[in-house]
Amino acid sequence: MIWLVRLTAGVAIALSGCCLATGIAAAQFLTTIPSEIRITTDADSLKLPGPYAFGIGPVGFQTLPTGFHYVETKPASSSLGWPNFLVISPAAGILPKPGESMTAVWVILNPEVVPSMPAGSYAEGAGFAATGQTAASGGISILLDLKPGPPPALQSVLSAASLQQEISPGEIVSIFGAHLGTAPVTAHYDGAGLYPTDLSHRNVPYPPSYPYPHDGVTFNGIPAPLLYYSQTQINAIVPYGVAGQKSVNIVVTHNGMQSAPFPLPVADTSPGIFTATQNGNGQGAILNGNQTPNSASNPAAKGSAISIFATGTGVLQQTVPDGSILFGGGATCPNSLSSTACKPTASGNAAFPAAPVSLTIGGQPAPLQYVGPSPGSAAALLQVNAFVPDGVSSGPQPVVLTVGQNSNTQQQVTVAVQ
């Protein structure tokens, strides 16, 4: 007696196959026909086709329940050592008795892997072995063709704090556009305390033998450290190496394709304060002295200390590698109105802006307490601790940060004062 196994791909494609089980006590073998399923989709796509289902049933005489389990196999065409891009469910089960409905097995593309794979052709095997067997005795090959998309296209490059088109050395910027990268990846610094300049293989480790494409951003050819990476947005740090240059060409590379250069002028400084709503203006992302967020319902008392966070403050007194995280290197200030009177917290460790820093709240100079990196963050993030002047009015008061010859006046950032 022969019972066929029906294989269906998606909803409409019907294929056929068979599965042979000779009984519990004897050697057991499984076969699947056809031998492959080919899937075509766009590289970087978050909307993957599938799932694909097929049924497993017995061929031949079977009197006792016979189990099966999934065994990953590598077709000959899959020689690069890519991680498995398939999900098989269920990974084990019981073959039905003759005359019963077939056991369904589903194959889907792994959404944690496929969107991060570059364009190209890949193969993976879905093998099955009967109970008691370790090697697959039958299965199918899944052939995946990822079509290349268009090259990256930049639409804007803005300060991550002010959302204004300003570029200065060491600034955190947000790059917006299309086809910039893969599924979202948030970067982490490495053992040397540096953020990466390439996030193309953070979700999917490329095989050592694969010449993976460098995905990233350059400013006048200098690779930029990356903080976040997605199809439509990249957060990066402008390399300190652009200091002294009048303009930069920003180029994004993804899947081996480059964007058209995006030219922007370069300023020595372009300070911007991060805001609570991340829209570039209004209530600042400011902490009160007790480390709680400043807000209209939690205003800062006059004479109390607050902490503001900014970027775009230019080169540092002491050179650090691009993308460095810092746990020290700031300067303490004896209630001075300018960072020129501040002293490094540690000798030979001066990772605070080379240009003078000053702050006003409600139009009045704010005495400084600390100027330097926010501990445990990228050097590109400046923390300024200052005192709210006693003479300011209550309510939302404008906060103006000046670094060198430039300020964030156009931002219209406020702090709530009691």
Protein backbone atom coordinates (compact mmCIF):
# COMPACT_ATOMS: atom_id res chain seq x y z
CA MET A 1 0.00 0.00 0.00
CA ILE A 2 1.24 3.55 -0.75
CA TRP A 3 -0.02 6.76 0.83
CA LEU A 4 1.21 9.94 -0.82
CA VAL A 5 2.46 12.95 1.10
CA ARG A 6 1.15 16.22 -0.22
CA LEU A 7 3.50 19.23 -0.20
CA THR A 8 2.03 22.71 -0.57
CA ALA A 9 4.05 25.88 -0.96
CA GLY A 10 2.16 28.89 0.31
CA VAL A 11 -1.51 28.60 -0.48
CA ALA A 12 -1.71 27.95 -4.18
CA ILE A 13 1.25 25.77 -5.17
CA ALA A 14 0.56 22.06 -4.70
CA LEU A 15 3.39 19.58 -4.84
CA SER A 16 3.62 15.89 -3.95
CA GLY A 17 5.97 13.76 -1.93
CA CYS A 18 6.16 10.59 0.11
CA CYS A 19 7.44 9.39 3.32
CA LEU A 20 8.51 5.80 4.01
CA ALA A 21 8.32 4.29 7.47
CA THR A 22 9.07 0.60 7.73
CA GLY A 23 8.20 0.17 11.40
CA ILE A 24 9.68 0.87 14.79
CA ALA A 25 12.01 -2.11 14.94
CA ALA A 26 13.52 -1.72 11.50
CA ALA A 27 15.65 1.00 9.94
CA GLN A 28 13.49 3.93 8.96
CA PHE A 29 13.84 6.25 5.98
CA LEU A 30 12.08 9.39 4.86
CA THR A 31 11.91 10.96 1.43
CA THR A 32 10.37 14.18 0.23
CA ILE A 33 9.41 15.08 -3.32
CA PRO A 34 9.97 17.59 -4.89
CA SER A 35 13.55 18.13 -3.87
CA GLU A 36 13.44 21.94 -3.53
CA ILE A 37 11.37 25.05 -3.00
CA ARG A 38 12.60 28.32 -4.48
CA ILE A 39 11.66 31.59 -2.80
CA THR A 40 12.33 35.03 -4.26
CA THR A 41 12.01 38.25 -2.29
CA ASP A 42 13.70 41.62 -1.88
CA ALA A 43 16.83 42.02 0.20
CA ASP A 44 16.22 44.06 3.40
CA SER A 45 12.49 43.40 3.20
CA LEU A 46 10.70 43.13 6.53
CA LYS A 47 7.67 41.61 4.80
CA LEU A 48 8.74 38.06 4.06
CA PRO A 49 6.77 35.61 1.92
CA GLY A 50 5.38 32.38 3.33
CA PRO A 51 4.79 30.35 5.35
CA TYR A 52 5.19 27.19 3.29
CA ALA A 53 3.55 23.98 4.50
CA PHE A 54 3.78 20.32 3.59
CA GLY A 55 2.33 17.21 5.11
CA ILE A 56 4.16 14.12 6.32
CA GLY A 57 2.46 10.77 6.13
CA PRO A 58 3.43 7.09 5.86
CA VAL A 59 4.07 5.01 2.77
CA GLY A 60 3.79 1.28 3.27
CA PHE A 61 2.47 -0.83 6.10
CA GLN A 62 2.55 0.75 9.54
CA THR A 63 0.95 -0.65 12.68
CA LEU A 64 2.54 1.45 15.45
CA PRO A 65 2.99 5.23 15.78
CA THR A 66 6.24 6.36 14.20
CA GLY A 67 7.91 9.63 15.10
CA PHE A 68 9.94 12.05 13.00
CA HIS A 69 12.19 15.00 13.80
CA TYR A 70 13.75 17.88 11.89
CA VAL A 71 17.47 17.74 11.05
CA GLU A 72 19.23 20.76 9.61
CA THR A 73 21.05 19.90 6.40
CA LYS A 74 23.37 21.92 4.20
CA PRO A 75 22.96 21.51 0.45
CA ALA A 76 26.13 21.42 -1.62
CA SER A 77 25.36 24.93 -2.86
CA SER A 78 25.44 26.23 0.73
CA SER A 79 29.16 26.28 1.42
CA LEU A 80 29.71 29.67 3.03
CA GLY A 81 28.54 28.78 6.52
CA TRP A 82 25.61 31.16 6.78
CA PRO A 83 23.38 30.84 9.83
CA ASN A 84 20.17 28.90 9.24
CA PHE A 85 17.62 31.26 7.73
CA LEU A 86 14.72 28.82 8.17
CA VAL A 87 12.30 28.14 10.99
CA ILE A 88 10.73 24.65 11.00
CA SER A 89 7.62 23.99 13.06
CA PRO A 90 6.95 21.55 14.54
CA ALA A 91 10.51 20.30 14.83
CA ALA A 92 9.26 16.86 15.80
CA GLY A 93 6.02 14.93 15.65
CA ILE A 94 4.22 11.66 15.10
CA LEU A 95 3.48 10.27 11.66
CA PRO A 96 -0.23 9.50 11.23
CA LYS A 97 -1.51 6.01 10.70
CA PRO A 98 -2.60 5.02 7.19
CA GLY A 99 -5.89 6.63 6.33
CA GLU A 100 -5.50 9.46 8.84
CA SER A 101 -4.88 13.10 8.01
CA MET A 102 -1.26 13.98 7.35
CA THR A 103 0.91 15.78 9.89
CA ALA A 104 1.54 19.36 8.78
CA VAL A 105 5.05 20.85 8.93
CA TRP A 106 5.62 24.54 8.30
CA VAL A 107 8.68 26.27 6.86
CA ILE A 108 9.09 30.03 7.27
CA LEU A 109 11.92 32.46 6.59
CA ASN A 110 13.53 33.52 9.86
CA PRO A 111 12.58 37.20 10.38
CA GLU A 112 15.58 37.65 12.69
CA VAL A 113 18.03 36.58 9.98
CA VAL A 114 16.74 37.14 6.44
CA PRO A 115 16.23 40.94 6.58
CA SER A 116 19.91 41.34 7.49
CA MET A 117 21.28 39.19 4.67
CA PRO A 118 22.68 40.98 1.62
CA ALA A 119 21.37 40.40 -1.87
CA GLY A 120 22.37 37.05 -3.33
CA SER A 121 21.38 33.40 -3.61
CA TYR A 122 21.34 31.06 -0.62
CA ALA A 123 20.42 27.46 0.09
CA GLU A 124 19.33 25.68 3.22
CA GLY A 125 18.10 22.15 3.81
CA ALA A 126 15.06 20.97 5.74
CA GLY A 127 15.76 17.33 6.44
CA PHE A 128 13.77 14.83 8.45
CA ALA A 129 14.74 11.63 10.19
CA ALA A 130 12.54 8.99 11.72
CA THR A 131 12.63 8.21 15.41
CA GLY A 132 15.91 6.63 16.41
CA GLN A 133 17.81 8.06 13.44
CA THR A 134 20.30 10.93 13.73
CA ALA A 135 21.00 11.64 10.07
CA ALA A 136 18.37 12.99 7.73
CA SER A 137 17.25 10.40 5.26
CA GLY A 138 15.09 12.75 3.24
CA GLY A 139 14.10 16.35 2.93
CA ILE A 140 13.93 19.38 0.73
CA SER A 141 16.23 22.24 -0.18
CA ILE A 142 15.02 25.79 0.27
CA LEU A 143 16.60 28.07 -2.32
CA LEU A 144 16.39 31.73 -1.41
CA ASP A 145 17.01 34.48 -3.95
CA LEU A 146 17.30 37.95 -2.41
CA LYS A 147 16.98 40.60 -5.10
CA PRO A 148 19.11 43.74 -4.73
CA GLY A 149 17.25 46.95 -4.12
CA PRO A 150 18.09 50.45 -5.32
CA PRO A 151 21.16 52.25 -3.97
CA PRO A 152 20.91 54.28 -0.75
CA ALA A 153 19.32 57.71 -1.14
CA LEU A 154 19.91 60.48 1.41
CA GLN A 155 17.18 63.00 2.08
CA SER A 156 18.55 64.97 5.04
CA VAL A 157 21.34 65.00 7.63
CA LEU A 158 20.37 66.72 10.87
CA SER A 159 21.67 67.26 14.36
CA ALA A 160 20.26 64.43 16.49
CA ALA A 161 19.54 66.99 19.21
CA SER A 162 18.19 70.06 17.41
CA LEU A 163 17.01 68.37 14.19
CA GLN A 164 18.59 71.26 12.32
CA GLN A 165 20.96 70.91 9.39
CA GLU A 166 24.18 71.52 11.27
CA ILE A 167 27.45 69.59 11.08
CA SER A 168 30.47 69.91 13.33
CA PRO A 169 33.26 67.54 14.43
CA GLY A 170 32.16 64.94 16.97
CA GLU A 171 28.46 65.70 16.59
CA ILE A 172 25.75 63.04 16.81
CA VAL A 173 23.71 63.31 13.62
CA SER A 174 20.65 61.56 12.20
CA ILE A 175 20.72 60.63 8.52
CA PHE A 176 17.31 60.13 6.91
CA GLY A 177 16.60 58.53 3.55
CA ALA A 178 15.68 55.28 1.85
CA HIS A 179 17.49 51.93 1.46
CA LEU A 180 20.10 52.98 4.00
CA GLY A 181 20.48 49.63 5.74
CA THR A 182 18.89 46.46 7.00
CA ALA A 183 16.41 45.73 9.76
CA PRO A 184 17.03 48.04 12.74
CA VAL A 185 20.26 47.49 14.65
CA THR A 186 21.30 49.37 17.78
CA ALA A 187 25.07 49.51 18.11
CA HIS A 188 27.11 48.60 21.16
CA TYR A 189 30.69 49.57 21.86
CA ASP A 190 33.40 46.92 21.72
CA GLY A 191 36.04 45.82 24.19
CA ALA A 192 38.14 48.86 23.31
CA GLY A 193 35.27 51.20 24.19
CA LEU A 194 34.63 52.17 20.55
CA TYR A 195 31.40 52.23 18.57
CA PRO A 196 31.61 50.34 15.24
CA THR A 197 31.83 51.93 11.82
CA ASP A 198 30.08 48.96 10.18
CA LEU A 199 26.78 47.41 11.29
CA SER A 200 26.12 45.27 8.22
CA HIS A 201 26.80 41.99 10.01
CA ARG A 202 25.67 42.75 13.55
CA ASN A 203 22.44 40.75 13.30
CA VAL A 204 23.85 38.02 11.06
CA PRO A 205 27.52 37.06 11.50
CA TYR A 206 29.07 36.76 8.07
CA PRO A 207 31.02 33.58 7.38
CA PRO A 208 34.78 34.11 7.55
CA SER A 209 35.14 33.17 3.88
CA TYR A 210 32.52 35.69 2.73
CA PRO A 211 33.78 39.07 1.50
CA TYR A 212 30.95 40.94 3.19
CA PRO A 213 30.20 44.46 1.97
CA HIS A 214 31.05 47.34 4.26
CA ASP A 215 27.84 49.06 5.26
CA GLY A 216 28.33 52.45 6.82
CA VAL A 217 28.74 56.20 6.43
CA THR A 218 31.74 58.30 5.47
CA PHE A 219 32.35 62.03 5.86
CA ASN A 220 34.87 63.09 3.24
CA GLY A 221 35.94 59.47 3.11
CA ILE A 222 36.39 59.07 6.88
CA PRO A 223 34.28 56.22 8.36
CA ALA A 224 31.83 57.43 10.98
CA PRO A 225 31.02 55.53 14.20
CA LEU A 226 27.44 54.26 14.11
CA LEU A 227 24.89 54.24 16.92
CA TYR A 228 21.78 53.09 15.07
CA TYR A 229 21.11 51.67 11.64
CA SER A 230 17.88 50.93 9.76
CA GLN A 231 16.34 51.13 6.32
CA THR A 232 15.35 54.79 6.70
CA GLN A 233 17.58 56.23 9.43
CA ILE A 234 21.19 56.07 10.58
CA ASN A 235 22.49 57.75 13.73
CA ALA A 236 26.20 58.40 13.43
CA ILE A 237 28.99 60.48 14.96
CA VAL A 238 30.76 62.98 12.72
CA PRO A 239 34.50 62.09 12.71
CA TYR A 240 36.80 64.57 14.41
CA GLY A 241 38.91 64.42 11.26
CA VAL A 242 36.60 66.86 9.46
CA ALA A 243 37.75 69.66 11.78
CA GLY A 244 39.08 72.61 9.81
CA GLN A 245 37.32 71.61 6.59
CA LYS A 246 34.76 73.92 5.01
CA SER A 247 32.41 71.22 3.79
CA VAL A 248 31.87 67.47 3.78
CA ASN A 249 30.47 64.95 1.33
CA ILE A 250 28.41 62.36 3.20
CA VAL A 251 28.12 58.95 1.52
CA VAL A 252 26.17 55.92 2.73
CA THR A 253 27.18 52.44 1.53
CA HIS A 254 24.81 49.49 1.71
CA ASN A 255 24.87 46.12 -0.04
CA GLY A 256 27.88 47.21 -2.04
CA MET A 257 26.10 50.27 -3.43
CA GLN A 258 26.85 53.88 -2.60
CA SER A 259 24.57 56.87 -2.31
CA ALA A 260 25.20 60.06 -4.21
CA PRO A 261 27.41 62.41 -2.14
CA PHE A 262 25.37 64.64 0.17
CA PRO A 263 27.29 67.92 0.63
CA LEU A 264 26.99 70.04 3.78
CA PRO A 265 29.02 72.91 5.24
CA VAL A 266 31.06 72.25 8.39
CA ALA A 267 31.11 74.54 11.43
CA ASP A 268 33.60 74.49 14.28
CA THR A 269 30.70 73.95 16.69
CA SER A 270 26.93 73.55 16.31
CA PRO A 271 25.58 73.02 19.83
CA GLY A 272 22.20 71.41 20.24
CA ILE A 273 20.43 70.35 23.46
CA PHE A 274 18.49 67.09 23.51
CA THR A 275 14.79 67.57 24.21
CA ALA A 276 12.25 65.51 26.14
CA THR A 277 10.06 64.83 23.12
CA GLN A 278 13.03 64.38 20.76
CA ASN A 279 11.51 66.91 18.36
CA GLY A 280 14.33 69.43 18.69
CA ASN A 281 12.56 72.12 20.73
CA GLY A 282 10.51 72.75 23.85
CA GLN A 283 11.16 71.05 27.17
CA GLY A 284 14.77 69.93 27.39
CA ALA A 285 15.82 66.42 28.37
CA ILE A 286 17.13 67.90 31.61
CA LEU A 287 17.65 66.30 34.99
CA ASN A 288 17.04 68.08 38.27
CA GLY A 289 19.59 67.84 41.06
CA ASN A 290 17.87 64.73 42.45
CA GLN A 291 18.31 63.02 39.04
CA THR A 292 14.60 63.13 38.19
CA PRO A 293 13.43 64.49 34.81
CA ASN A 294 12.70 68.19 34.81
CA SER A 295 9.16 69.04 33.73
CA ALA A 296 6.32 71.44 34.38
CA SER A 297 5.11 69.10 37.13
CA ASN A 298 8.66 68.66 38.48
CA PRO A 299 10.36 72.05 38.13
CA ALA A 300 13.86 72.90 39.33
CA ALA A 301 14.19 75.20 42.32
CA LYS A 302 16.03 78.47 41.86
CA GLY A 303 19.63 78.07 42.92
CA SER A 304 19.53 74.29 42.41
CA ALA A 305 21.71 72.30 40.03
CA ILE A 306 20.45 70.83 36.77
CA SER A 307 22.07 68.65 34.10
CA ILE A 308 21.63 69.23 30.40
CA PHE A 309 22.81 66.98 27.57
CA ALA A 310 24.02 68.25 24.23
CA THR A 311 26.04 67.45 21.13
CA GLY A 312 27.77 69.43 18.39
CA THR A 313 30.37 70.91 20.71
CA GLY A 314 33.38 70.47 18.42
CA VAL A 315 36.82 69.05 19.03
CA LEU A 316 37.98 68.24 22.55
CA GLN A 317 40.83 69.59 24.62
CA GLN A 318 42.36 66.13 24.47
CA THR A 319 42.14 63.98 21.35
CA VAL A 320 40.19 60.73 21.65
CA PRO A 321 39.44 58.14 18.94
CA ASP A 322 36.21 58.56 17.02
CA GLY A 323 33.32 56.77 18.69
CA SER A 324 34.97 56.51 22.12
CA ILE A 325 32.92 56.01 25.24
CA LEU A 326 34.23 57.89 28.25
CA PHE A 327 33.79 57.46 31.98
CA GLY A 328 35.79 60.53 32.92
CA GLY A 329 37.69 63.41 31.41
CA GLY A 330 35.34 66.23 32.35
CA ALA A 331 36.10 69.46 34.12
CA THR A 332 34.81 70.86 37.41
CA CYS A 333 33.96 74.50 37.57
CA PRO A 334 34.06 76.75 40.67
CA ASN A 335 30.71 78.40 39.87
CA SER A 336 32.36 80.04 36.88
CA LEU A 337 30.36 81.45 34.00
CA SER A 338 32.67 79.98 31.34
CA SER A 339 34.44 76.66 30.97
CA THR A 340 37.71 78.54 30.51
CA ALA A 341 37.94 78.62 34.32
CA CYS A 342 37.15 74.91 34.70
CA LYS A 343 39.80 72.39 35.73
CA PRO A 344 40.09 68.78 34.53
CA THR A 345 38.86 66.24 37.07
CA ALA A 346 42.03 64.20 36.46
CA SER A 347 45.46 65.28 35.32
CA GLY A 348 46.10 64.58 31.65
CA ASN A 349 42.46 63.68 31.05
CA ALA A 350 40.74 66.67 29.43
CA ALA A 351 37.98 65.29 27.20
CA PHE A 352 35.81 68.40 27.27
CA PRO A 353 35.26 70.93 24.47
CA ALA A 354 38.27 72.93 23.38
CA ALA A 355 36.01 75.91 22.68
CA PRO A 356 34.65 77.90 25.65
CA VAL A 357 31.29 76.71 26.99
CA SER A 358 28.73 78.95 28.67
CA LEU A 359 25.04 78.74 29.52
CA THR A 360 22.17 81.11 30.14
CA ILE A 361 18.80 80.30 31.73
CA GLY A 362 16.00 82.81 31.35
CA GLY A 363 18.50 85.20 29.80
CA GLN A 364 20.75 85.18 32.86
CA PRO A 365 24.22 83.58 33.02
CA ALA A 366 24.12 80.21 34.78
CA PRO A 367 27.12 79.30 36.99
CA LEU A 368 28.75 76.10 35.78
CA GLN A 369 29.48 73.11 37.99
CA TYR A 370 30.69 70.47 35.50
CA VAL A 371 31.44 70.37 31.77
CA GLY A 372 32.43 67.13 30.07
CA PRO A 373 31.35 63.74 28.79
CA SER A 374 28.33 62.05 30.28
CA PRO A 375 29.94 59.07 32.08
CA GLY A 376 29.49 55.81 30.18
CA SER A 377 28.35 57.54 26.99
CA ALA A 378 30.00 58.44 23.72
CA ALA A 379 32.37 61.39 23.86
CA ALA A 380 29.99 63.09 21.43
CA LEU A 381 27.44 63.54 24.25
CA LEU A 382 28.27 66.58 26.39
CA GLN A 383 26.90 66.94 29.92
CA VAL A 384 26.72 70.37 31.52
CA ASN A 385 25.80 70.73 35.18
CA ALA A 386 24.83 74.28 36.10
CA PHE A 387 22.91 76.23 38.72
CA VAL A 388 19.57 77.86 38.01
CA PRO A 389 20.12 81.60 38.60
CA ASP A 390 18.27 82.95 41.62
CA GLY A 391 16.84 85.86 39.69
CA VAL A 392 15.01 84.00 36.91
CA SER A 393 11.25 83.90 36.69
CA SER A 394 9.18 80.81 37.39
CA GLY A 395 7.79 78.64 34.62
CA PRO A 396 9.43 77.50 31.37
CA GLN A 397 12.63 79.46 30.82
CA PRO A 398 14.81 79.42 27.68
CA VAL A 399 18.13 77.57 27.90
CA VAL A 400 20.89 78.79 25.59
CA LEU A 401 24.13 76.84 25.30
CA THR A 402 27.05 78.63 23.67
CA VAL A 403 30.16 76.76 22.53
CA GLY A 404 32.79 78.87 20.83
CA GLN A 405 31.07 81.33 18.49
CA ASN A 406 27.83 79.38 18.09
CA SER A 407 24.76 78.71 20.21
CA ASN A 408 21.47 76.80 20.09
CA THR A 409 19.31 79.96 20.21
CA GLN A 410 17.14 78.84 17.27
CA GLN A 411 16.23 75.65 19.12
CA GLN A 412 14.07 77.36 21.74
CA VAL A 413 14.72 74.77 24.47
CA THR A 414 13.25 75.40 27.92
CA VAL A 415 13.68 74.28 31.52
CA ALA A 416 10.86 74.36 34.05
CA VAL A 417 11.69 76.61 37.03
CA GLN A 418 9.81 76.53 40.33
